[in-house]
Amino acid sequence: MAGPQAEFLTHAERPWTSATFEGTRHIVILAFRGRDAMERGEAFGSALPDHEFDIPGHLVADAAIASIERENGPSPQMRVEADFLLLRDC
């Protein structure tokens, strides 16, 4: 969804439960380097909350942008931190 210009930096995962559901919370950090890539990163950030995911055995209950950091200058870049809540679909 982020496109080929996105550079995957990190992923963290931790268990998540409620009274009726169980799943995992995921944090993904992507880098977009260069003006064209940054435009793609902006589009990714705008589209993420409404995106319909198809992950077998899981339901994406929440997908949000937690933070965006931009650096301008001769080598502009952007770091996007996305947060996902995946519930086990039984």
PDB file of N, CA and C in Angstrom:
ATOM      1  N   MET A   1       0.811  -1.191   0.000  1.00  0.00           N
ATOM      2  CA  MET A   1       0.000   0.000   0.000  1.00  0.00           C
ATOM      3  C   MET A   1       0.859   1.261   0.000  1.00  0.00           C
ATOM      4  N   ALA A   2       2.013   1.212   0.648  1.00  0.00           N
ATOM      5  CA  ALA A   2       2.892   2.379   0.725  1.00  0.00           C
ATOM      6  C   ALA A   2       3.665   2.597  -0.572  1.00  0.00           C
ATOM      7  N   GLY A   3       3.753   1.576  -1.406  1.00  0.00           N
ATOM      8  CA  GLY A   3       4.434   1.705  -2.683  1.00  0.00           C
ATOM      9  C   GLY A   3       5.909   1.353  -2.606  1.00  0.00           C
ATOM     10  N   PRO A   4       6.535   1.189  -3.776  1.00  0.00           N
ATOM     11  CA  PRO A   4       7.928   0.748  -3.829  1.00  0.00           C
ATOM     12  C   PRO A   4       8.933   1.795  -3.347  1.00  0.00           C
ATOM     13  N   GLN A   5       8.514   3.040  -3.220  1.00  0.00           N
ATOM     14  CA  GLN A   5       9.437   4.075  -2.757  1.00  0.00           C
ATOM     15  C   GLN A   5       9.561   4.098  -1.235  1.00  0.00           C
ATOM     16  N   ALA A   6       8.728   3.355  -0.544  1.00  0.00           N
ATOM     17  CA  ALA A   6       8.784   3.295   0.918  1.00  0.00           C
ATOM     18  C   ALA A   6       9.922   2.377   1.341  1.00  0.00           C
ATOM     19  N   GLU A   7      10.676   2.825   2.320  1.00  0.00           N
ATOM     20  CA  GLU A   7      11.744   2.014   2.898  1.00  0.00           C
ATOM     21  C   GLU A   7      11.280   1.554   4.282  1.00  0.00           C
ATOM     22  N   PHE A   8      11.210   0.248   4.473  1.00  0.00           N
ATOM     23  CA  PHE A   8      10.780  -0.326   5.741  1.00  0.00           C
ATOM     24  C   PHE A   8      11.900  -0.164   6.761  1.00  0.00           C
ATOM     25  N   LEU A   9      11.638   0.521   7.866  1.00  0.00           N
ATOM     26  CA  LEU A   9      12.660   0.744   8.885  1.00  0.00           C
ATOM     27  C   LEU A   9      12.509  -0.200  10.074  1.00  0.00           C
ATOM     28  N   THR A  10      11.333  -0.231  10.690  1.00  0.00           N
ATOM     29  CA  THR A  10      11.142  -1.091  11.859  1.00  0.00           C
ATOM     30  C   THR A  10       9.712  -1.585  11.973  1.00  0.00           C
ATOM     31  N   HIS A  11       9.575  -2.655  12.753  1.00  0.00           N
ATOM     32  CA  HIS A  11       8.268  -3.222  13.089  1.00  0.00           C
ATOM     33  C   HIS A  11       8.332  -3.706  14.527  1.00  0.00           C
ATOM     34  N   ALA A  12       7.315  -3.367  15.304  1.00  0.00           N
ATOM     35  CA  ALA A  12       7.192  -3.870  16.667  1.00  0.00           C
ATOM     36  C   ALA A  12       5.787  -4.442  16.828  1.00  0.00           C
ATOM     37  N   GLU A  13       5.686  -5.503  17.608  1.00  0.00           N
ATOM     38  CA  GLU A  13       4.409  -6.177  17.796  1.00  0.00           C
ATOM     39  C   GLU A  13       4.259  -6.545  19.268  1.00  0.00           C
ATOM     40  N   ARG A  14       3.026  -6.390  19.770  1.00  0.00           N
ATOM     41  CA  ARG A  14       2.765  -6.826  21.138  1.00  0.00           C
ATOM     42  C   ARG A  14       1.337  -7.362  21.227  1.00  0.00           C
ATOM     43  N   PRO A  15       1.110  -8.311  22.116  1.00  0.00           N
ATOM     44  CA  PRO A  15      -0.237  -8.869  22.259  1.00  0.00           C
ATOM     45  C   PRO A  15      -1.227  -7.814  22.734  1.00  0.00           C
ATOM     46  N   TRP A  16      -2.489  -7.998  22.362  1.00  0.00           N
ATOM     47  CA  TRP A  16      -3.552  -7.092  22.764  1.00  0.00           C
ATOM     48  C   TRP A  16      -4.785  -7.941  23.070  1.00  0.00           C
ATOM     49  N   THR A  17      -5.468  -7.649  24.170  1.00  0.00           N
ATOM     50  CA  THR A  17      -6.703  -8.358  24.507  1.00  0.00           C
ATOM     51  C   THR A  17      -7.704  -7.394  25.111  1.00  0.00           C
ATOM     52  N   SER A  18      -8.969  -7.766  24.982  1.00  0.00           N
ATOM     53  CA  SER A  18     -10.056  -7.071  25.658  1.00  0.00           C
ATOM     54  C   SER A  18     -10.942  -8.159  26.261  1.00  0.00           C
ATOM     55  N   ALA A  19     -12.075  -7.788  26.794  1.00  0.00           N
ATOM     56  CA  ALA A  19     -12.971  -8.773  27.387  1.00  0.00           C
ATOM     57  C   ALA A  19     -13.501  -9.766  26.352  1.00  0.00           C
ATOM     58  N   THR A  20     -13.601  -9.323  25.090  1.00  0.00           N
ATOM     59  CA  THR A  20     -14.198 -10.191  24.069  1.00  0.00           C
ATOM     60  C   THR A  20     -13.296 -10.494  22.873  1.00  0.00           C
ATOM     61  N   PHE A  21     -12.177  -9.801  22.733  1.00  0.00           N
ATOM     62  CA  PHE A  21     -11.318  -9.982  21.561  1.00  0.00           C
ATOM     63  C   PHE A  21      -9.872 -10.204  21.971  1.00  0.00           C
ATOM     64  N   GLU A  22      -9.139 -10.814  21.060  1.00  0.00           N
ATOM     65  CA  GLU A  22      -7.697 -10.931  21.255  1.00  0.00           C
ATOM     66  C   GLU A  22      -7.017 -10.705  19.913  1.00  0.00           C
ATOM     67  N   GLY A  23      -5.835 -10.140  19.992  1.00  0.00           N
ATOM     68  CA  GLY A  23      -5.115  -9.836  18.763  1.00  0.00           C
ATOM     69  C   GLY A  23      -3.739  -9.282  19.062  1.00  0.00           C
ATOM     70  N   THR A  24      -3.243  -8.449  18.157  1.00  0.00           N
ATOM     71  CA  THR A  24      -1.918  -7.857  18.301  1.00  0.00           C
ATOM     72  C   THR A  24      -1.943  -6.409  17.838  1.00  0.00           C
ATOM     73  N   ARG A  25      -1.131  -5.614  18.486  1.00  0.00           N
ATOM     74  CA  ARG A  25      -0.932  -4.222  18.064  1.00  0.00           C
ATOM     75  C   ARG A  25       0.416  -4.161  17.378  1.00  0.00           C
ATOM     76  N   HIS A  26       0.472  -3.530  16.211  1.00  0.00           N
ATOM     77  CA  HIS A  26       1.691  -3.431  15.413  1.00  0.00           C
ATOM     78  C   HIS A  26       2.045  -1.967  15.192  1.00  0.00           C
ATOM     79  N   ILE A  27       3.327  -1.659  15.295  1.00  0.00           N
ATOM     80  CA  ILE A  27       3.840  -0.337  14.954  1.00  0.00           C
ATOM     81  C   ILE A  27       4.862  -0.533  13.838  1.00  0.00           C
ATOM     82  N   VAL A  28       4.654   0.171  12.742  1.00  0.00           N
ATOM     83  CA  VAL A  28       5.536   0.086  11.572  1.00  0.00           C
ATOM     84  C   VAL A  28       6.064   1.486  11.281  1.00  0.00           C
ATOM     85  N   ILE A  29       7.366   1.589  11.041  1.00  0.00           N
ATOM     86  CA  ILE A  29       7.959   2.870  10.662  1.00  0.00           C
ATOM     87  C   ILE A  29       8.535   2.739   9.262  1.00  0.00           C
ATOM     88  N   LEU A  30       8.121   3.663   8.392  1.00  0.00           N
ATOM     89  CA  LEU A  30       8.569   3.698   6.995  1.00  0.00           C
ATOM     90  C   LEU A  30       9.262   5.023   6.732  1.00  0.00           C
ATOM     91  N   ALA A  31      10.223   5.001   5.811  1.00  0.00           N
ATOM     92  CA  ALA A  31      10.896   6.221   5.362  1.00  0.00           C
ATOM     93  C   ALA A  31      10.575   6.438   3.890  1.00  0.00           C
ATOM     94  N   PHE A  32      10.382   7.684   3.532  1.00  0.00           N
ATOM     95  CA  PHE A  32      10.162   8.091   2.149  1.00  0.00           C
ATOM     96  C   PHE A  32      11.214   9.147   1.843  1.00  0.00           C
ATOM     97  N   ARG A  33      12.171   8.828   0.977  1.00  0.00           N
ATOM     98  CA  ARG A  33      13.302   9.719   0.695  1.00  0.00           C
ATOM     99  C   ARG A  33      13.158  10.347  -0.694  1.00  0.00           C
ATOM    100  N   GLY A  34      13.229  11.667  -0.742  1.00  0.00           N
ATOM    101  CA  GLY A  34      13.067  12.398  -2.001  1.00  0.00           C
ATOM    102  C   GLY A  34      11.661  12.953  -2.116  1.00  0.00           C
ATOM    103  N   ARG A  35      11.534  14.001  -2.925  1.00  0.00           N
ATOM    104  CA  ARG A  35      10.236  14.693  -3.035  1.00  0.00           C
ATOM    105  C   ARG A  35       9.129  13.796  -3.587  1.00  0.00           C
ATOM    106  N   ASP A  36       9.431  13.010  -4.613  1.00  0.00           N
ATOM    107  CA  ASP A  36       8.412  12.120  -5.172  1.00  0.00           C
ATOM    108  C   ASP A  36       7.965  11.092  -4.136  1.00  0.00           C
ATOM    109  N   ALA A  37       8.923  10.522  -3.426  1.00  0.00           N
ATOM    110  CA  ALA A  37       8.597   9.533  -2.406  1.00  0.00           C
ATOM    111  C   ALA A  37       7.785  10.168  -1.274  1.00  0.00           C
ATOM    112  N   MET A  38       8.124  11.401  -0.923  1.00  0.00           N
ATOM    113  CA  MET A  38       7.381  12.083   0.141  1.00  0.00           C
ATOM    114  C   MET A  38       5.922  12.307  -0.265  1.00  0.00           C
ATOM    115  N   GLU A  39       5.686  12.598  -1.524  1.00  0.00           N
ATOM    116  CA  GLU A  39       4.313  12.731  -1.995  1.00  0.00           C
ATOM    117  C   GLU A  39       3.570  11.414  -1.832  1.00  0.00           C
ATOM    118  N   ARG A  40       4.256  10.315  -2.146  1.00  0.00           N
ATOM    119  CA  ARG A  40       3.663   8.984  -1.972  1.00  0.00           C
ATOM    120  C   ARG A  40       3.393   8.719  -0.489  1.00  0.00           C
ATOM    121  N   GLY A  41       4.299   9.153   0.375  1.00  0.00           N
ATOM    122  CA  GLY A  41       4.117   9.000   1.808  1.00  0.00           C
ATOM    123  C   GLY A  41       2.913   9.781   2.318  1.00  0.00           C
ATOM    124  N   GLU A  42       2.709  10.977   1.786  1.00  0.00           N
ATOM    125  CA  GLU A  42       1.538  11.775   2.152  1.00  0.00           C
ATOM    126  C   GLU A  42       0.257  11.051   1.734  1.00  0.00           C
ATOM    127  N   ALA A  43       0.260  10.482   0.532  1.00  0.00           N
ATOM    128  CA  ALA A  43      -0.906   9.744   0.041  1.00  0.00           C
ATOM    129  C   ALA A  43      -1.162   8.512   0.917  1.00  0.00           C
ATOM    130  N   PHE A  44      -0.104   7.824   1.307  1.00  0.00           N
ATOM    131  CA  PHE A  44      -0.227   6.665   2.193  1.00  0.00           C
ATOM    132  C   PHE A  44      -0.873   7.082   3.513  1.00  0.00           C
ATOM    133  N   GLY A  45      -0.377   8.161   4.094  1.00  0.00           N
ATOM    134  CA  GLY A  45      -0.918   8.636   5.361  1.00  0.00           C
ATOM    135  C   GLY A  45      -2.386   9.016   5.284  1.00  0.00           C
ATOM    136  N   SER A  46      -2.776   9.606   4.163  1.00  0.00           N
ATOM    137  CA  SER A  46      -4.177  10.006   3.984  1.00  0.00           C
ATOM    138  C   SER A  46      -5.100   8.814   3.770  1.00  0.00           C
ATOM    139  N   ALA A  47      -4.622   7.802   3.051  1.00  0.00           N
ATOM    140  CA  ALA A  47      -5.453   6.655   2.695  1.00  0.00           C
ATOM    141  C   ALA A  47      -5.529   5.583   3.785  1.00  0.00           C
ATOM    142  N   LEU A  48      -4.535   5.519   4.652  1.00  0.00           N
ATOM    143  CA  LEU A  48      -4.444   4.410   5.613  1.00  0.00           C
ATOM    144  C   LEU A  48      -5.689   4.227   6.481  1.00  0.00           C
ATOM    145  N   PRO A  49      -6.224   5.252   7.123  1.00  0.00           N
ATOM    146  CA  PRO A  49      -7.344   5.025   8.034  1.00  0.00           C
ATOM    147  C   PRO A  49      -8.588   4.412   7.382  1.00  0.00           C
ATOM    148  N   ASP A  50      -8.806   4.650   6.101  1.00  0.00           N
ATOM    149  CA  ASP A  50      -9.995   4.140   5.417  1.00  0.00           C
ATOM    150  C   ASP A  50      -9.726   2.920   4.547  1.00  0.00           C
ATOM    151  N   HIS A  51      -8.491   2.433   4.546  1.00  0.00           N
ATOM    152  CA  HIS A  51      -8.128   1.309   3.681  1.00  0.00           C
ATOM    153  C   HIS A  51      -8.804   0.023   4.152  1.00  0.00           C
ATOM    154  N   GLU A  52      -9.319  -0.758   3.210  1.00  0.00           N
ATOM    155  CA  GLU A  52      -9.925  -2.057   3.508  1.00  0.00           C
ATOM    156  C   GLU A  52      -8.849  -3.132   3.365  1.00  0.00           C
ATOM    157  N   PHE A  53      -8.431  -3.702   4.475  1.00  0.00           N
ATOM    158  CA  PHE A  53      -7.394  -4.728   4.474  1.00  0.00           C
ATOM    159  C   PHE A  53      -8.022  -6.099   4.291  1.00  0.00           C
ATOM    160  N   ASP A  54      -7.287  -6.994   3.634  1.00  0.00           N
ATOM    161  CA  ASP A  54      -7.710  -8.377   3.455  1.00  0.00           C
ATOM    162  C   ASP A  54      -6.577  -9.267   3.958  1.00  0.00           C
ATOM    163  N   ILE A  55      -6.632  -9.594   5.254  1.00  0.00           N
ATOM    164  CA  ILE A  55      -5.606 -10.419   5.882  1.00  0.00           C
ATOM    165  C   ILE A  55      -6.305 -11.664   6.405  1.00  0.00           C
ATOM    166  N   PRO A  56      -6.082 -12.818   5.771  1.00  0.00           N
ATOM    167  CA  PRO A  56      -6.774 -14.038   6.186  1.00  0.00           C
ATOM    168  C   PRO A  56      -6.613 -14.321   7.688  1.00  0.00           C
ATOM    169  N   GLY A  57      -7.738 -14.593   8.349  1.00  0.00           N
ATOM    170  CA  GLY A  57      -7.736 -14.924   9.762  1.00  0.00           C
ATOM    171  C   GLY A  57      -7.668 -13.733  10.694  1.00  0.00           C
ATOM    172  N   HIS A  58      -7.648 -12.522  10.128  1.00  0.00           N
ATOM    173  CA  HIS A  58      -7.545 -11.322  10.958  1.00  0.00           C
ATOM    174  C   HIS A  58      -8.476 -10.227  10.450  1.00  0.00           C
ATOM    175  N   LEU A  59      -8.837  -9.370  11.367  1.00  0.00           N
ATOM    176  CA  LEU A  59      -9.608  -8.181  11.059  1.00  0.00           C
ATOM    177  C   LEU A  59      -8.789  -6.984  11.530  1.00  0.00           C
ATOM    178  N   VAL A  60      -8.569  -6.024  10.657  1.00  0.00           N
ATOM    179  CA  VAL A  60      -7.852  -4.812  11.056  1.00  0.00           C
ATOM    180  C   VAL A  60      -8.889  -3.879  11.682  1.00  0.00           C
ATOM    181  N   ALA A  61      -8.856  -3.816  13.020  1.00  0.00           N
ATOM    182  CA  ALA A  61      -9.840  -3.022  13.760  1.00  0.00           C
ATOM    183  C   ALA A  61      -9.494  -1.544  13.756  1.00  0.00           C
ATOM    184  N   ASP A  62      -8.205  -1.235  13.621  1.00  0.00           N
ATOM    185  CA  ASP A  62      -7.778   0.159  13.618  1.00  0.00           C
ATOM    186  C   ASP A  62      -6.467   0.276  12.851  1.00  0.00           C
ATOM    187  N   ALA A  63      -6.372   1.292  12.042  1.00  0.00           N
ATOM    188  CA  ALA A  63      -5.135   1.612  11.314  1.00  0.00           C
ATOM    189  C   ALA A  63      -5.025   3.129  11.307  1.00  0.00           C
ATOM    190  N   ALA A  64      -3.938   3.626  11.877  1.00  0.00           N
ATOM    191  CA  ALA A  64      -3.803   5.077  12.015  1.00  0.00           C
ATOM    192  C   ALA A  64      -2.347   5.496  11.884  1.00  0.00           C
ATOM    193  N   ILE A  65      -2.160   6.748  11.531  1.00  0.00           N
ATOM    194  CA  ILE A  65      -0.825   7.334  11.511  1.00  0.00           C
ATOM    195  C   ILE A  65      -0.565   7.902  12.901  1.00  0.00           C
ATOM    196  N   ALA A  66       0.472   7.406  13.560  1.00  0.00           N
ATOM    197  CA  ALA A  66       0.819   7.870  14.900  1.00  0.00           C
ATOM    198  C   ALA A  66       1.663   9.136  14.837  1.00  0.00           C
ATOM    199  N   SER A  67       2.568   9.210  13.845  1.00  0.00           N
ATOM    200  CA  SER A  67       3.386  10.414  13.708  1.00  0.00           C
ATOM    201  C   SER A  67       3.981  10.492  12.310  1.00  0.00           C
ATOM    202  N   ILE A  68       4.288  11.716  11.913  1.00  0.00           N
ATOM    203  CA  ILE A  68       4.996  11.988  10.656  1.00  0.00           C
ATOM    204  C   ILE A  68       6.078  13.007  10.961  1.00  0.00           C
ATOM    205  N   GLU A  69       7.302  12.688  10.561  1.00  0.00           N
ATOM    206  CA  GLU A  69       8.427  13.615  10.716  1.00  0.00           C
ATOM    207  C   GLU A  69       8.946  13.942   9.332  1.00  0.00           C
ATOM    208  N   ARG A  70       9.066  15.233   9.038  1.00  0.00           N
ATOM    209  CA  ARG A  70       9.564  15.670   7.730  1.00  0.00           C
ATOM    210  C   ARG A  70      10.878  16.415   7.895  1.00  0.00           C
ATOM    211  N   GLU A  71      11.790  16.155   6.958  1.00  0.00           N
ATOM    212  CA  GLU A  71      13.057  16.891   6.897  1.00  0.00           C
ATOM    213  C   GLU A  71      13.181  17.469   5.498  1.00  0.00           C
ATOM    214  N   ASN A  72      13.260  18.787   5.408  1.00  0.00           N
ATOM    215  CA  ASN A  72      13.441  19.443   4.122  1.00  0.00           C
ATOM    216  C   ASN A  72      14.922  19.711   3.907  1.00  0.00           C
ATOM    217  N   GLY A  73      15.263  20.165   2.757  1.00  0.00           N
ATOM    218  CA  GLY A  73      16.653  20.450   2.446  1.00  0.00           C
ATOM    219  C   GLY A  73      17.059  19.757   1.167  1.00  0.00           C
ATOM    220  N   PRO A  74      18.369  19.606   0.948  1.00  0.00           N
ATOM    221  CA  PRO A  74      18.835  18.997  -0.293  1.00  0.00           C
ATOM    222  C   PRO A  74      18.418  17.536  -0.448  1.00  0.00           C
ATOM    223  N   SER A  75      18.233  16.834   0.665  1.00  0.00           N
ATOM    224  CA  SER A  75      17.791  15.434   0.637  1.00  0.00           C
ATOM    225  C   SER A  75      16.539  15.283   1.490  1.00  0.00           C
ATOM    226  N   PRO A  76      15.397  15.780   0.996  1.00  0.00           N
ATOM    227  CA  PRO A  76      14.190  15.730   1.807  1.00  0.00           C
ATOM    228  C   PRO A  76      13.754  14.293   2.079  1.00  0.00           C
ATOM    229  N   GLN A  77      13.229  14.094   3.260  1.00  0.00           N
ATOM    230  CA  GLN A  77      12.726  12.774   3.608  1.00  0.00           C
ATOM    231  C   GLN A  77      11.621  12.896   4.643  1.00  0.00           C
ATOM    232  N   MET A  78      10.900  11.809   4.794  1.00  0.00           N
ATOM    233  CA  MET A  78       9.785  11.766   5.717  1.00  0.00           C
ATOM    234  C   MET A  78       9.760  10.390   6.368  1.00  0.00           C
ATOM    235  N   ARG A  79       9.530  10.375   7.681  1.00  0.00           N
ATOM    236  CA  ARG A  79       9.346   9.127   8.425  1.00  0.00           C
ATOM    237  C   ARG A  79       7.898   9.071   8.877  1.00  0.00           C
ATOM    238  N   VAL A  80       7.266   7.940   8.613  1.00  0.00           N
ATOM    239  CA  VAL A  80       5.868   7.755   8.970  1.00  0.00           C
ATOM    240  C   VAL A  80       5.764   6.572   9.923  1.00  0.00           C
ATOM    241  N   GLU A  81       5.147   6.810  11.072  1.00  0.00           N
ATOM    242  CA  GLU A  81       4.886   5.737  12.028  1.00  0.00           C
ATOM    243  C   GLU A  81       3.405   5.391  11.954  1.00  0.00           C
ATOM    244  N   ALA A  82       3.107   4.153  11.598  1.00  0.00           N
ATOM    245  CA  ALA A  82       1.728   3.689  11.478  1.00  0.00           C
ATOM    246  C   ALA A  82       1.442   2.669  12.572  1.00  0.00           C
ATOM    247  N   ASP A  83       0.231   2.725  13.095  1.00  0.00           N
ATOM    248  CA  ASP A  83      -0.189   1.865  14.190  1.00  0.00           C
ATOM    249  C   ASP A  83      -1.384   1.042  13.726  1.00  0.00           C
ATOM    250  N   PHE A  84      -1.311  -0.281  13.931  1.00  0.00           N
ATOM    251  CA  PHE A  84      -2.365  -1.192  13.488  1.00  0.00           C
ATOM    252  C   PHE A  84      -2.824  -2.062  14.651  1.00  0.00           C
ATOM    253  N   LEU A  85      -4.125  -2.292  14.745  1.00  0.00           N
ATOM    254  CA  LEU A  85      -4.667  -3.250  15.693  1.00  0.00           C
ATOM    255  C   LEU A  85      -5.304  -4.373  14.895  1.00  0.00           C
ATOM    256  N   LEU A  86      -4.734  -5.568  14.992  1.00  0.00           N
ATOM    257  CA  LEU A  86      -5.259  -6.736  14.298  1.00  0.00           C
ATOM    258  C   LEU A  86      -5.935  -7.647  15.306  1.00  0.00           C
ATOM    259  N   LEU A  87      -7.175  -8.001  15.012  1.00  0.00           N
ATOM    260  CA  LEU A  87      -7.926  -8.927  15.868  1.00  0.00           C
ATOM    261  C   LEU A  87      -8.004 -10.284  15.198  1.00  0.00           C
ATOM    262  N   ARG A  88      -7.903 -11.307  15.996  1.00  0.00           N
ATOM    263  CA  ARG A  88      -8.021 -12.666  15.465  1.00  0.00           C
ATOM    264  C   ARG A  88      -9.473 -12.884  15.074  1.00  0.00           C
ATOM    265  N   ASP A  89      -9.704 -13.295  13.840  1.00  0.00           N
ATOM    266  CA  ASP A  89     -11.042 -13.536  13.309  1.00  0.00           C
ATOM    267  C   ASP A  89     -11.338 -15.026  13.414  1.00  0.00           C
ATOM    268  N   CYS A  90     -12.077 -15.408  14.433  1.00  0.00           N
ATOM    269  CA  CYS A  90     -12.340 -16.834  14.687  1.00  0.00           C
ATOM    270  C   CYS A  90     -13.526 -17.333  13.932  1.00  0.00           C
TER     271      CYS A  90
END
